[in-house]
């Protein structure tokens, strides 16, 4: 609509000048045609004079000789300058509007299988850093205009898309390509605000998966009942890790490392890969796959996720006789050095699809 409005405005300006020039041309011809010494002898000459004046060429082959003709010829000259001034101003305004709209995300994104984050904060930035390190794209909506410049300074457009909008403008959220995202992270300040917002979101995007972080761990069941897929207590995780550092510091240090994306070839991480139909591990028993993954990729298989009756079932270190089937997810501990090998072998990116 904005582009159409800009084009319409320029069209009206051009039409107005054309009408004005037509009137001036007719008046000029009227006065010049009455003088026997005039060089502008017919209406075609008057149009030619108007064109060369408008384009600032000024051949000088046709010039007004009457006093009235010179007056209206001067008006032509001034009008030509005004026309170019107005057009340059309008084009500059349109270009600035296009740049501003692009900066604010008004043109939308074509990200797919990405993460949508509602709200920007320091905690959200820490999450995005890990997602980008893992090769994921993120679309953010913020209601603070100043945040747009901050986000653009931190991340390139190919990794992070930013939309400036009120959170409750659900029609604008379509610009985040929400229907194609893998999950939505509601990153608002207050637990109550998050709960109300999720309930409103579910009315518009019922099929999406949602994740929230909670300040109050007692609300976890409430959020799950409201349709949140994952409700995580920041304080609960932090307290467990802190306690682990107190009585088993080596375990805590290892746990912290595998929770984050590996930064060097020696760092380890826990990853999951989906088993596609043509995967060599399809229809193989757990024990065989366990030893094969250790031998070929220096990775440790620690679990499987199976889909049963539409629900995800996590099997931690399952029995040796458990068979791996298509659409299962294999969960393993792996270092950065083996990620590319596993990606080629599984023919799929790591993570939930």
C-alpha atoms as a PDB file:
ATOM      1  CA  UNK A   1       0.000   0.000   0.000  1.00  0.00           C
ATOM      2  CA  UNK A   2       2.842   2.393   0.835  1.00  0.00           C
ATOM      3  CA  UNK A   3       4.526   1.799  -2.534  1.00  0.00           C
ATOM      4  CA  UNK A   4       1.205   2.325  -4.320  1.00  0.00           C
ATOM      5  CA  UNK A   5       0.656   5.574  -2.398  1.00  0.00           C
ATOM      6  CA  UNK A   6       4.113   6.858  -3.376  1.00  0.00           C
ATOM      7  CA  UNK A   7       3.589   6.058  -7.054  1.00  0.00           C
ATOM      8  CA  UNK A   8       0.152   7.696  -6.950  1.00  0.00           C
ATOM      9  CA  UNK A   9       1.617  10.838  -5.372  1.00  0.00           C
ATOM     10  CA  UNK A  10       4.287  11.135  -8.080  1.00  0.00           C
ATOM     11  CA  UNK A  11       1.647  10.484 -10.737  1.00  0.00           C
ATOM     12  CA  UNK A  12      -0.528  13.308  -9.384  1.00  0.00           C
ATOM     13  CA  UNK A  13       2.474  15.674  -9.344  1.00  0.00           C
ATOM     14  CA  UNK A  14       3.404  14.820 -12.953  1.00  0.00           C
ATOM     15  CA  UNK A  15      -0.218  15.156 -14.069  1.00  0.00           C
ATOM     16  CA  UNK A  16      -0.478  18.539 -12.344  1.00  0.00           C
ATOM     17  CA  UNK A  17       2.649  19.806 -14.086  1.00  0.00           C
ATOM     18  CA  UNK A  18       1.425  18.484 -17.463  1.00  0.00           C
ATOM     19  CA  UNK A  19      -1.875  20.314 -17.064  1.00  0.00           C
ATOM     20  CA  UNK A  20      -0.047  23.476 -15.981  1.00  0.00           C
ATOM     21  CA  UNK A  21       2.393  23.258 -18.883  1.00  0.00           C
ATOM     22  CA  UNK A  22      -0.446  22.671 -21.338  1.00  0.00           C
ATOM     23  CA  UNK A  23      -2.179  25.827 -20.129  1.00  0.00           C
ATOM     24  CA  UNK A  24       1.064  27.848 -20.276  1.00  0.00           C
ATOM     25  CA  UNK A  25       1.809  26.499 -23.771  1.00  0.00           C
ATOM     26  CA  UNK A  26      -1.640  27.507 -25.008  1.00  0.00           C
ATOM     27  CA  UNK A  27      -1.284  31.020 -23.544  1.00  0.00           C
ATOM     28  CA  UNK A  28       2.233  31.420 -24.993  1.00  0.00           C
ATOM     29  CA  UNK A  29       1.049  30.360 -28.442  1.00  0.00           C
ATOM     30  CA  UNK A  30      -1.899  32.758 -28.237  1.00  0.00           C
ATOM     31  CA  UNK A  31       0.322  35.807 -27.687  1.00  0.00           C
ATOM     32  CA  UNK A  32       3.173  34.762 -30.024  1.00  0.00           C
ATOM     33  CA  UNK A  33       0.905  33.835 -32.921  1.00  0.00           C
ATOM     34  CA  UNK A  34      -0.300  37.456 -33.161  1.00  0.00           C
ATOM     35  CA  UNK A  35       3.181  38.851 -33.868  1.00  0.00           C
ATOM     36  CA  UNK A  36       4.422  38.566 -37.505  1.00  0.00           C
ATOM     37  CA  UNK A  37       8.065  38.404 -36.339  1.00  0.00           C
ATOM     38  CA  UNK A  38       7.453  35.497 -33.937  1.00  0.00           C
ATOM     39  CA  UNK A  39       9.550  32.325 -34.239  1.00  0.00           C
ATOM     40  CA  UNK A  40       6.818  30.365 -32.492  1.00  0.00           C
ATOM     41  CA  UNK A  41       4.399  30.265 -35.415  1.00  0.00           C
ATOM     42  CA  UNK A  42       2.137  27.311 -34.509  1.00  0.00           C
ATOM     43  CA  UNK A  43       1.104  25.172 -31.558  1.00  0.00           C
ATOM     44  CA  UNK A  44       3.770  22.573 -32.413  1.00  0.00           C
ATOM     45  CA  UNK A  45       6.453  25.253 -32.038  1.00  0.00           C
ATOM     46  CA  UNK A  46       5.010  26.189 -28.641  1.00  0.00           C
ATOM     47  CA  UNK A  47       5.152  22.561 -27.507  1.00  0.00           C
ATOM     48  CA  UNK A  48       8.761  22.271 -28.765  1.00  0.00           C
ATOM     49  CA  UNK A  49       9.716  25.422 -26.831  1.00  0.00           C
ATOM     50  CA  UNK A  50       8.063  23.968 -23.698  1.00  0.00           C
ATOM     51  CA  UNK A  51       9.952  20.674 -24.072  1.00  0.00           C
ATOM     52  CA  UNK A  52      13.424  22.151 -24.573  1.00  0.00           C
ATOM     53  CA  UNK A  53      12.779  24.526 -21.681  1.00  0.00           C
ATOM     54  CA  UNK A  54      11.572  21.735 -19.401  1.00  0.00           C
ATOM     55  CA  UNK A  55      14.581  19.565 -20.211  1.00  0.00           C
ATOM     56  CA  UNK A  56      16.907  22.582 -19.741  1.00  0.00           C
ATOM     57  CA  UNK A  57      18.402  21.983 -23.229  1.00  0.00           C
ATOM     58  CA  UNK A  58      17.616  25.466 -24.502  1.00  0.00           C
ATOM     59  CA  UNK A  59      18.595  25.254 -28.200  1.00  0.00           C
ATOM     60  CA  UNK A  60      17.622  28.894 -28.740  1.00  0.00           C
ATOM     61  CA  UNK A  61      15.980  28.131 -32.104  1.00  0.00           C
ATOM     62  CA  UNK A  62      12.624  29.288 -30.747  1.00  0.00           C
ATOM     63  CA  UNK A  63      12.283  32.300 -28.461  1.00  0.00           C
ATOM     64  CA  UNK A  64       9.337  34.470 -27.464  1.00  0.00           C
ATOM     65  CA  UNK A  65       9.394  37.967 -29.036  1.00  0.00           C
ATOM     66  CA  UNK A  66       6.302  39.530 -27.463  1.00  0.00           C
ATOM     67  CA  UNK A  67       6.330  41.025 -24.004  1.00  0.00           C
ATOM     68  CA  UNK A  68       3.601  38.653 -22.841  1.00  0.00           C
ATOM     69  CA  UNK A  69       5.387  35.691 -24.454  1.00  0.00           C
ATOM     70  CA  UNK A  70       8.589  36.486 -22.585  1.00  0.00           C
ATOM     71  CA  UNK A  71       6.682  36.714 -19.306  1.00  0.00           C
ATOM     72  CA  UNK A  72       5.172  33.278 -19.821  1.00  0.00           C
ATOM     73  CA  UNK A  73       8.521  31.985 -21.132  1.00  0.00           C
ATOM     74  CA  UNK A  74      10.058  33.068 -17.817  1.00  0.00           C
ATOM     75  CA  UNK A  75       7.303  31.189 -16.016  1.00  0.00           C
ATOM     76  CA  UNK A  76       8.291  28.117 -18.054  1.00  0.00           C
ATOM     77  CA  UNK A  77      11.899  28.466 -16.885  1.00  0.00           C
ATOM     78  CA  UNK A  78      10.967  28.856 -13.215  1.00  0.00           C
ATOM     79  CA  UNK A  79       8.395  26.058 -13.432  1.00  0.00           C
ATOM     80  CA  UNK A  80      11.028  23.719 -14.911  1.00  0.00           C
ATOM     81  CA  UNK A  81      13.319  24.342 -11.954  1.00  0.00           C
ATOM     82  CA  UNK A  82      10.402  23.790  -9.575  1.00  0.00           C
ATOM     83  CA  UNK A  83       9.408  20.573 -11.348  1.00  0.00           C
ATOM     84  CA  UNK A  84      12.867  19.044 -10.961  1.00  0.00           C
ATOM     85  CA  UNK A  85      13.125  20.221  -7.372  1.00  0.00           C
ATOM     86  CA  UNK A  86       9.794  18.639  -6.471  1.00  0.00           C
ATOM     87  CA  UNK A  87      10.568  15.382  -8.323  1.00  0.00           C
ATOM     88  CA  UNK A  88      14.022  15.010  -6.769  1.00  0.00           C
ATOM     89  CA  UNK A  89      12.499  15.678  -3.348  1.00  0.00           C
ATOM     90  CA  UNK A  90       9.753  13.104  -3.891  1.00  0.00           C
ATOM     91  CA  UNK A  91      12.155  10.436  -5.169  1.00  0.00           C
ATOM     92  CA  UNK A  92      14.509  11.058  -2.236  1.00  0.00           C
ATOM     93  CA  UNK A  93      11.569  10.799   0.149  1.00  0.00           C
ATOM     94  CA  UNK A  94      10.462   7.510  -1.410  1.00  0.00           C
ATOM     95  CA  UNK A  95      13.988   6.076  -1.278  1.00  0.00           C
ATOM     96  CA  UNK A  96      14.305   7.070   2.389  1.00  0.00           C
ATOM     97  CA  UNK A  97      10.927   5.497   3.126  1.00  0.00           C
ATOM     98  CA  UNK A  98      11.951   2.270   1.387  1.00  0.00           C
ATOM     99  CA  UNK A  99      15.218   2.153   3.334  1.00  0.00           C
ATOM    100  CA  UNK A 100      13.443   2.877   6.616  1.00  0.00           C
ATOM    101  CA  UNK A 101      10.764   0.245   5.955  1.00  0.00           C
ATOM    102  CA  UNK A 102      13.431  -2.311   5.083  1.00  0.00           C
ATOM    103  CA  UNK A 103      15.356  -1.450   8.246  1.00  0.00           C
ATOM    104  CA  UNK A 104      12.206  -1.820  10.379  1.00  0.00           C
ATOM    105  CA  UNK A 105      11.306  -5.151   8.761  1.00  0.00           C
ATOM    106  CA  UNK A 106       8.174  -3.962   6.969  1.00  0.00           C
ATOM    107  CA  UNK A 107       9.064  -5.991   3.873  1.00  0.00           C
ATOM    108  CA  UNK A 108       9.089  -9.253   5.833  1.00  0.00           C
ATOM    109  CA  UNK A 109      11.472 -12.211   5.693  1.00  0.00           C
ATOM    110  CA  UNK A 110      11.648 -15.521   3.842  1.00  0.00           C
ATOM    111  CA  UNK A 111      13.365 -17.404   6.698  1.00  0.00           C
ATOM    112  CA  UNK A 112      12.143 -20.998   7.153  1.00  0.00           C
ATOM    113  CA  UNK A 113      12.626 -23.446  10.018  1.00  0.00           C
ATOM    114  CA  UNK A 114      13.830 -20.453  12.028  1.00  0.00           C
ATOM    115  CA  UNK A 115      13.266 -19.291  15.601  1.00  0.00           C
ATOM    116  CA  UNK A 116      10.901 -16.400  16.272  1.00  0.00           C
ATOM    117  CA  UNK A 117      11.681 -14.359  19.386  1.00  0.00           C
ATOM    118  CA  UNK A 118       9.138 -11.969  20.868  1.00  0.00           C
ATOM    119  CA  UNK A 119      11.027  -9.210  22.685  1.00  0.00           C
ATOM    120  CA  UNK A 120      14.684  -8.226  22.924  1.00  0.00           C
ATOM    121  CA  UNK A 121      16.849  -8.311  26.051  1.00  0.00           C
ATOM    122  CA  UNK A 122      20.369  -9.175  27.185  1.00  0.00           C
ATOM    123  CA  UNK A 123      19.178 -12.689  28.013  1.00  0.00           C
ATOM    124  CA  UNK A 124      17.630 -12.969  24.558  1.00  0.00           C
ATOM    125  CA  UNK A 125      20.927 -11.905  23.012  1.00  0.00           C
ATOM    126  CA  UNK A 126      22.749 -14.685  24.875  1.00  0.00           C
ATOM    127  CA  UNK A 127      20.231 -17.204  23.484  1.00  0.00           C
ATOM    128  CA  UNK A 128      20.575 -15.834  19.940  1.00  0.00           C
ATOM    129  CA  UNK A 129      24.368 -16.052  20.131  1.00  0.00           C
ATOM    130  CA  UNK A 130      24.068 -19.792  20.795  1.00  0.00           C
ATOM    131  CA  UNK A 131      21.457 -20.284  18.057  1.00  0.00           C
ATOM    132  CA  UNK A 132      23.549 -18.491  15.445  1.00  0.00           C
ATOM    133  CA  UNK A 133      26.633 -20.460  16.483  1.00  0.00           C
ATOM    134  CA  UNK A 134      24.567 -23.583  15.774  1.00  0.00           C
ATOM    135  CA  UNK A 135      23.681 -22.259  12.311  1.00  0.00           C
ATOM    136  CA  UNK A 136      20.073 -21.261  13.051  1.00  0.00           C
ATOM    137  CA  UNK A 137      18.303 -18.134  11.815  1.00  0.00           C
ATOM    138  CA  UNK A 138      16.296 -15.940  14.162  1.00  0.00           C
ATOM    139  CA  UNK A 139      13.468 -13.454  13.522  1.00  0.00           C
ATOM    140  CA  UNK A 140      12.976 -10.905  16.309  1.00  0.00           C
ATOM    141  CA  UNK A 141      10.076  -8.544  16.967  1.00  0.00           C
ATOM    142  CA  UNK A 142      10.711  -5.567  19.235  1.00  0.00           C
ATOM    143  CA  UNK A 143       8.491  -2.651  20.184  1.00  0.00           C
ATOM    144  CA  UNK A 144      11.471  -0.400  20.952  1.00  0.00           C
ATOM    145  CA  UNK A 145      12.714   1.339  17.813  1.00  0.00           C
ATOM    146  CA  UNK A 146      16.189   1.915  19.268  1.00  0.00           C
ATOM    147  CA  UNK A 147      16.642  -1.863  19.570  1.00  0.00           C
ATOM    148  CA  UNK A 148      16.545  -2.229  15.782  1.00  0.00           C
ATOM    149  CA  UNK A 149      19.873  -0.431  15.356  1.00  0.00           C
ATOM    150  CA  UNK A 150      21.394  -2.350  18.265  1.00  0.00           C
ATOM    151  CA  UNK A 151      20.390  -5.729  16.818  1.00  0.00           C
ATOM    152  CA  UNK A 152      21.627  -4.776  13.332  1.00  0.00           C
ATOM    153  CA  UNK A 153      25.018  -3.885  14.829  1.00  0.00           C
ATOM    154  CA  UNK A 154      25.313  -7.297  16.480  1.00  0.00           C
ATOM    155  CA  UNK A 155      24.098  -9.580  13.687  1.00  0.00           C
ATOM    156  CA  UNK A 156      24.110  -9.675   9.852  1.00  0.00           C
ATOM    157  CA  UNK A 157      20.780  -9.726   8.020  1.00  0.00           C
ATOM    158  CA  UNK A 158      21.389 -13.263   6.737  1.00  0.00           C
ATOM    159  CA  UNK A 159      21.254 -14.573  10.330  1.00  0.00           C
ATOM    160  CA  UNK A 160      18.802 -12.274  12.106  1.00  0.00           C
ATOM    161  CA  UNK A 161      15.699 -10.478  10.842  1.00  0.00           C
ATOM    162  CA  UNK A 162      14.244  -7.686  12.963  1.00  0.00           C
ATOM    163  CA  UNK A 163      10.691  -6.347  12.930  1.00  0.00           C
ATOM    164  CA  UNK A 164       9.645  -3.164  14.713  1.00  0.00           C
ATOM    165  CA  UNK A 165       6.045  -3.622  15.814  1.00  0.00           C
ATOM    166  CA  UNK A 166       3.687  -3.695  18.740  1.00  0.00           C
ATOM    167  CA  UNK A 167       3.612  -7.236  20.114  1.00  0.00           C
ATOM    168  CA  UNK A 168      -0.183  -7.376  19.984  1.00  0.00           C
ATOM    169  CA  UNK A 169      -0.351  -6.505  16.299  1.00  0.00           C
ATOM    170  CA  UNK A 170      -0.720 -10.136  15.285  1.00  0.00           C
ATOM    171  CA  UNK A 171      -1.203  -9.289  11.594  1.00  0.00           C
ATOM    172  CA  UNK A 172       2.310  -7.779  11.569  1.00  0.00           C
ATOM    173  CA  UNK A 173       3.733 -11.020  12.952  1.00  0.00           C
ATOM    174  CA  UNK A 174       3.055 -12.607   9.576  1.00  0.00           C
ATOM    175  CA  UNK A 175       6.063 -10.613   8.318  1.00  0.00           C
ATOM    176  CA  UNK A 176       8.200 -12.922  10.498  1.00  0.00           C
ATOM    177  CA  UNK A 177       7.032 -15.863   8.358  1.00  0.00           C
ATOM    178  CA  UNK A 178       5.651 -17.346  11.579  1.00  0.00           C
ATOM    179  CA  UNK A 179       3.901 -20.243   9.846  1.00  0.00           C
ATOM    180  CA  UNK A 180       7.283 -21.560   8.659  1.00  0.00           C
ATOM    181  CA  UNK A 181       9.168 -21.185  11.962  1.00  0.00           C
ATOM    182  CA  UNK A 182      10.300 -24.140  14.082  1.00  0.00           C
ATOM    183  CA  UNK A 183       9.432 -22.579  17.452  1.00  0.00           C
ATOM    184  CA  UNK A 184       8.469 -19.261  19.040  1.00  0.00           C
ATOM    185  CA  UNK A 185      10.379 -17.954  22.064  1.00  0.00           C
ATOM    186  CA  UNK A 186       8.283 -15.526  24.143  1.00  0.00           C
ATOM    187  CA  UNK A 187      10.929 -13.333  25.749  1.00  0.00           C
ATOM    188  CA  UNK A 188       8.851 -10.819  27.712  1.00  0.00           C
ATOM    189  CA  UNK A 189       9.735  -9.393  31.132  1.00  0.00           C
ATOM    190  CA  UNK A 190       6.994 -10.690  33.440  1.00  0.00           C
ATOM    191  CA  UNK A 191       5.620 -14.235  33.864  1.00  0.00           C
ATOM    192  CA  UNK A 192       2.023 -12.987  33.953  1.00  0.00           C
ATOM    193  CA  UNK A 193       2.597 -10.931  30.815  1.00  0.00           C
ATOM    194  CA  UNK A 194       4.051 -14.007  29.110  1.00  0.00           C
ATOM    195  CA  UNK A 195       1.064 -16.171  30.062  1.00  0.00           C
ATOM    196  CA  UNK A 196      -1.509 -13.658  28.775  1.00  0.00           C
ATOM    197  CA  UNK A 197       0.465 -13.149  25.605  1.00  0.00           C
ATOM    198  CA  UNK A 198       0.792 -16.885  24.911  1.00  0.00           C
ATOM    199  CA  UNK A 199      -2.962 -17.335  25.358  1.00  0.00           C
ATOM    200  CA  UNK A 200      -3.572 -14.573  22.806  1.00  0.00           C
ATOM    201  CA  UNK A 201      -0.969 -16.037  20.452  1.00  0.00           C
ATOM    202  CA  UNK A 202      -2.659 -19.441  20.572  1.00  0.00           C
ATOM    203  CA  UNK A 203      -5.812 -17.844  19.157  1.00  0.00           C
ATOM    204  CA  UNK A 204      -3.910 -16.822  16.025  1.00  0.00           C
ATOM    205  CA  UNK A 205      -1.154 -19.455  15.758  1.00  0.00           C
ATOM    206  CA  UNK A 206      -2.465 -22.564  17.475  1.00  0.00           C
ATOM    207  CA  UNK A 207      -0.194 -25.049  15.695  1.00  0.00           C
ATOM    208  CA  UNK A 208       3.099 -23.440  16.707  1.00  0.00           C
ATOM    209  CA  UNK A 209       5.484 -24.681  19.371  1.00  0.00           C
ATOM    210  CA  UNK A 210       6.221 -22.222  22.173  1.00  0.00           C
ATOM    211  CA  UNK A 211       9.038 -21.912  24.688  1.00  0.00           C
ATOM    212  CA  UNK A 212       9.229 -19.499  27.639  1.00  0.00           C
ATOM    213  CA  UNK A 213      11.616 -18.901  30.509  1.00  0.00           C
ATOM    214  CA  UNK A 214      10.065 -18.493  33.953  1.00  0.00           C
ATOM    215  CA  UNK A 215      11.090 -16.465  36.963  1.00  0.00           C
ATOM    216  CA  UNK A 216       8.665 -18.496  39.079  1.00  0.00           C
ATOM    217  CA  UNK A 217       9.224 -22.249  38.637  1.00  0.00           C
ATOM    218  CA  UNK A 218       5.845 -22.965  40.314  1.00  0.00           C
ATOM    219  CA  UNK A 219       4.086 -21.672  37.177  1.00  0.00           C
ATOM    220  CA  UNK A 220       5.556 -24.360  34.937  1.00  0.00           C
ATOM    221  CA  UNK A 221       2.425 -26.545  35.018  1.00  0.00           C
ATOM    222  CA  UNK A 222       0.215 -23.511  34.376  1.00  0.00           C
ATOM    223  CA  UNK A 223       2.155 -22.602  31.236  1.00  0.00           C
ATOM    224  CA  UNK A 224       2.117 -26.178  29.980  1.00  0.00           C
ATOM    225  CA  UNK A 225      -1.648 -26.281  30.478  1.00  0.00           C
ATOM    226  CA  UNK A 226      -1.883 -23.069  28.439  1.00  0.00           C
ATOM    227  CA  UNK A 227      -0.224 -24.829  25.502  1.00  0.00           C
ATOM    228  CA  UNK A 228       3.436 -23.917  25.987  1.00  0.00           C
ATOM    229  CA  UNK A 229       5.661 -26.694  24.675  1.00  0.00           C
ATOM    230  CA  UNK A 230       8.653 -25.942  26.895  1.00  0.00           C
ATOM    231  CA  UNK A 231       8.550 -23.872  30.093  1.00  0.00           C
ATOM    232  CA  UNK A 232      12.045 -23.447  31.541  1.00  0.00           C
ATOM    233  CA  UNK A 233      12.913 -21.919  34.907  1.00  0.00           C
ATOM    234  CA  UNK A 234      16.095 -19.855  34.624  1.00  0.00           C
ATOM    235  CA  UNK A 235      16.626 -19.871  38.383  1.00  0.00           C
ATOM    236  CA  UNK A 236      16.104 -23.639  38.609  1.00  0.00           C
ATOM    237  CA  UNK A 237      18.779 -24.326  36.001  1.00  0.00           C
ATOM    238  CA  UNK A 238      21.172 -21.821  37.527  1.00  0.00           C
ATOM    239  CA  UNK A 239      20.692 -23.195  41.048  1.00  0.00           C
ATOM    240  CA  UNK A 240      21.298 -26.793  39.914  1.00  0.00           C
ATOM    241  CA  UNK A 241      24.478 -25.819  38.100  1.00  0.00           C
ATOM    242  CA  UNK A 242      25.686 -23.788  41.078  1.00  0.00           C
ATOM    243  CA  UNK A 243      25.049 -26.675  43.475  1.00  0.00           C
ATOM    244  CA  UNK A 244      26.891 -28.988  41.110  1.00  0.00           C
ATOM    245  CA  UNK A 245      29.899 -26.654  41.106  1.00  0.00           C
ATOM    246  CA  UNK A 246      29.923 -26.810  44.912  1.00  0.00           C
ATOM    247  CA  UNK A 247      30.082 -30.597  45.358  1.00  0.00           C
ATOM    248  CA  UNK A 248      31.118 -31.912  41.909  1.00  0.00           C
ATOM    249  CA  UNK A 249      32.892 -29.081  40.068  1.00  0.00           C
ATOM    250  CA  UNK A 250      34.268 -31.241  37.265  1.00  0.00           C
ATOM    251  CA  UNK A 251      30.800 -32.535  36.411  1.00  0.00           C
ATOM    252  CA  UNK A 252      29.448 -28.984  36.510  1.00  0.00           C
ATOM    253  CA  UNK A 253      32.171 -27.715  34.192  1.00  0.00           C
ATOM    254  CA  UNK A 254      31.504 -30.514  31.739  1.00  0.00           C
ATOM    255  CA  UNK A 255      27.741 -29.921  31.944  1.00  0.00           C
ATOM    256  CA  UNK A 256      28.205 -26.230  31.196  1.00  0.00           C
ATOM    257  CA  UNK A 257      30.347 -27.020  28.167  1.00  0.00           C
ATOM    258  CA  UNK A 258      27.935 -29.471  26.564  1.00  0.00           C
ATOM    259  CA  UNK A 259      24.998 -27.108  27.092  1.00  0.00           C
ATOM    260  CA  UNK A 260      26.675 -24.491  24.890  1.00  0.00           C
ATOM    261  CA  UNK A 261      27.572 -24.670  21.210  1.00  0.00           C
ATOM    262  CA  UNK A 262      31.212 -25.830  20.841  1.00  0.00           C
ATOM    263  CA  UNK A 263      33.597 -22.989  20.019  1.00  0.00           C
ATOM    264  CA  UNK A 264      36.694 -25.103  19.231  1.00  0.00           C
ATOM    265  CA  UNK A 265      37.292 -28.584  17.797  1.00  0.00           C
ATOM    266  CA  UNK A 266      38.003 -29.884  21.308  1.00  0.00           C
ATOM    267  CA  UNK A 267      34.759 -28.603  22.850  1.00  0.00           C
ATOM    268  CA  UNK A 268      31.818 -30.995  23.178  1.00  0.00           C
ATOM    269  CA  UNK A 269      28.109 -30.474  22.739  1.00  0.00           C
ATOM    270  CA  UNK A 270      24.912 -32.537  22.886  1.00  0.00           C
ATOM    271  CA  UNK A 271      23.217 -32.680  19.488  1.00  0.00           C
ATOM    272  CA  UNK A 272      20.293 -34.486  17.936  1.00  0.00           C
ATOM    273  CA  UNK A 273      19.948 -35.698  14.354  1.00  0.00           C
ATOM    274  CA  UNK A 274      16.832 -36.934  12.628  1.00  0.00           C
ATOM    275  CA  UNK A 275      16.927 -40.378  11.014  1.00  0.00           C
ATOM    276  CA  UNK A 276      15.708 -40.127   7.439  1.00  0.00           C
ATOM    277  CA  UNK A 277      14.437 -43.028   5.356  1.00  0.00           C
ATOM    278  CA  UNK A 278      17.746 -43.573   3.542  1.00  0.00           C
ATOM    279  CA  UNK A 279      19.865 -43.333   6.691  1.00  0.00           C
ATOM    280  CA  UNK A 280      22.101 -46.427   7.114  1.00  0.00           C
ATOM    281  CA  UNK A 281      21.075 -46.614  10.788  1.00  0.00           C
ATOM    282  CA  UNK A 282      17.384 -46.966   9.901  1.00  0.00           C
ATOM    283  CA  UNK A 283      16.080 -50.331  11.234  1.00  0.00           C
ATOM    284  CA  UNK A 284      19.332 -51.028  13.100  1.00  0.00           C
ATOM    285  CA  UNK A 285      19.558 -51.976  16.776  1.00  0.00           C
ATOM    286  CA  UNK A 286      20.734 -49.447  19.336  1.00  0.00           C
ATOM    287  CA  UNK A 287      23.860 -51.344  20.392  1.00  0.00           C
ATOM    288  CA  UNK A 288      25.201 -51.618  16.834  1.00  0.00           C
ATOM    289  CA  UNK A 289      24.596 -47.914  16.170  1.00  0.00           C
ATOM    290  CA  UNK A 290      26.145 -46.996  19.518  1.00  0.00           C
ATOM    291  CA  UNK A 291      29.468 -48.662  18.715  1.00  0.00           C
ATOM    292  CA  UNK A 292      29.449 -47.572  15.079  1.00  0.00           C
ATOM    293  CA  UNK A 293      28.936 -43.881  15.965  1.00  0.00           C
ATOM    294  CA  UNK A 294      31.736 -44.064  18.514  1.00  0.00           C
ATOM    295  CA  UNK A 295      34.088 -45.661  15.989  1.00  0.00           C
ATOM    296  CA  UNK A 296      33.259 -43.533  12.932  1.00  0.00           C
ATOM    297  CA  UNK A 297      32.549 -40.132  14.482  1.00  0.00           C
ATOM    298  CA  UNK A 298      34.070 -40.234  17.968  1.00  0.00           C
ATOM    299  CA  UNK A 299      30.589 -39.455  19.315  1.00  0.00           C
ATOM    300  CA  UNK A 300      28.664 -41.045  22.176  1.00  0.00           C
ATOM    301  CA  UNK A 301      25.035 -42.002  21.575  1.00  0.00           C
ATOM    302  CA  UNK A 302      23.093 -41.302  24.794  1.00  0.00           C
ATOM    303  CA  UNK A 303      19.442 -41.465  23.795  1.00  0.00           C
ATOM    304  CA  UNK A 304      16.652 -41.682  21.232  1.00  0.00           C
ATOM    305  CA  UNK A 305      13.463 -39.684  20.756  1.00  0.00           C
ATOM    306  CA  UNK A 306      10.580 -41.618  19.219  1.00  0.00           C
ATOM    307  CA  UNK A 307       7.206 -40.289  18.093  1.00  0.00           C
ATOM    308  CA  UNK A 308       4.419 -42.356  19.658  1.00  0.00           C
ATOM    309  CA  UNK A 309       0.768 -41.390  19.183  1.00  0.00           C
ATOM    310  CA  UNK A 310       1.824 -37.927  18.119  1.00  0.00           C
ATOM    311  CA  UNK A 311       3.928 -37.373  21.249  1.00  0.00           C
ATOM    312  CA  UNK A 312       7.687 -37.200  21.602  1.00  0.00           C
ATOM    313  CA  UNK A 313       9.043 -39.914  23.886  1.00  0.00           C
ATOM    314  CA  UNK A 314      12.604 -39.533  25.170  1.00  0.00           C
ATOM    315  CA  UNK A 315      14.452 -42.787  25.791  1.00  0.00           C
ATOM    316  CA  UNK A 316      17.624 -42.191  27.823  1.00  0.00           C
ATOM    317  CA  UNK A 317      20.314 -44.797  27.248  1.00  0.00           C
ATOM    318  CA  UNK A 318      17.761 -47.380  26.043  1.00  0.00           C
ATOM    319  CA  UNK A 319      18.101 -51.152  25.941  1.00  0.00           C
ATOM    320  CA  UNK A 320      20.433 -52.641  23.353  1.00  0.00           C
ATOM    321  CA  UNK A 321      17.544 -54.326  21.556  1.00  0.00           C
ATOM    322  CA  UNK A 322      15.683 -51.096  20.852  1.00  0.00           C
ATOM    323  CA  UNK A 323      15.444 -50.633  17.085  1.00  0.00           C
ATOM    324  CA  UNK A 324      16.074 -47.255  15.469  1.00  0.00           C
ATOM    325  CA  UNK A 325      13.428 -46.339  12.885  1.00  0.00           C
ATOM    326  CA  UNK A 326      12.667 -43.554  10.438  1.00  0.00           C
ATOM    327  CA  UNK A 327      11.852 -40.138  12.012  1.00  0.00           C
ATOM    328  CA  UNK A 328      13.596 -41.026  15.278  1.00  0.00           C
ATOM    329  CA  UNK A 329      16.076 -38.523  16.675  1.00  0.00           C
ATOM    330  CA  UNK A 330      19.458 -39.754  17.848  1.00  0.00           C
ATOM    331  CA  UNK A 331      20.922 -37.762  20.745  1.00  0.00           C
ATOM    332  CA  UNK A 332      24.689 -37.834  21.131  1.00  0.00           C
ATOM    333  CA  UNK A 333      27.653 -36.074  22.690  1.00  0.00           C
ATOM    334  CA  UNK A 334      29.988 -34.839  19.955  1.00  0.00           C
ATOM    335  CA  UNK A 335      32.817 -32.378  19.456  1.00  0.00           C
ATOM    336  CA  UNK A 336      32.888 -29.655  16.835  1.00  0.00           C
ATOM    337  CA  UNK A 337      35.416 -31.518  14.712  1.00  0.00           C
ATOM    338  CA  UNK A 338      32.900 -34.285  13.896  1.00  0.00           C
ATOM    339  CA  UNK A 339      29.852 -32.108  13.219  1.00  0.00           C
ATOM    340  CA  UNK A 340      30.474 -31.837   9.459  1.00  0.00           C
ATOM    341  CA  UNK A 341      30.971 -35.599   9.134  1.00  0.00           C
ATOM    342  CA  UNK A 342      27.708 -36.346  10.933  1.00  0.00           C
ATOM    343  CA  UNK A 343      25.834 -33.764   8.884  1.00  0.00           C
ATOM    344  CA  UNK A 344      26.986 -35.416   5.648  1.00  0.00           C
ATOM    345  CA  UNK A 345      26.207 -38.873   6.983  1.00  0.00           C
ATOM    346  CA  UNK A 346      22.700 -38.027   8.214  1.00  0.00           C
ATOM    347  CA  UNK A 347      22.094 -35.705   5.243  1.00  0.00           C
ATOM    348  CA  UNK A 348      20.287 -33.272   7.532  1.00  0.00           C
ATOM    349  CA  UNK A 349      21.134 -30.363   9.811  1.00  0.00           C
ATOM    350  CA  UNK A 350      21.304 -31.025  13.523  1.00  0.00           C
ATOM    351  CA  UNK A 351      18.367 -30.029  15.679  1.00  0.00           C
ATOM    352  CA  UNK A 352      14.627 -30.492  15.649  1.00  0.00           C
ATOM    353  CA  UNK A 353      12.939 -30.459  12.229  1.00  0.00           C
END
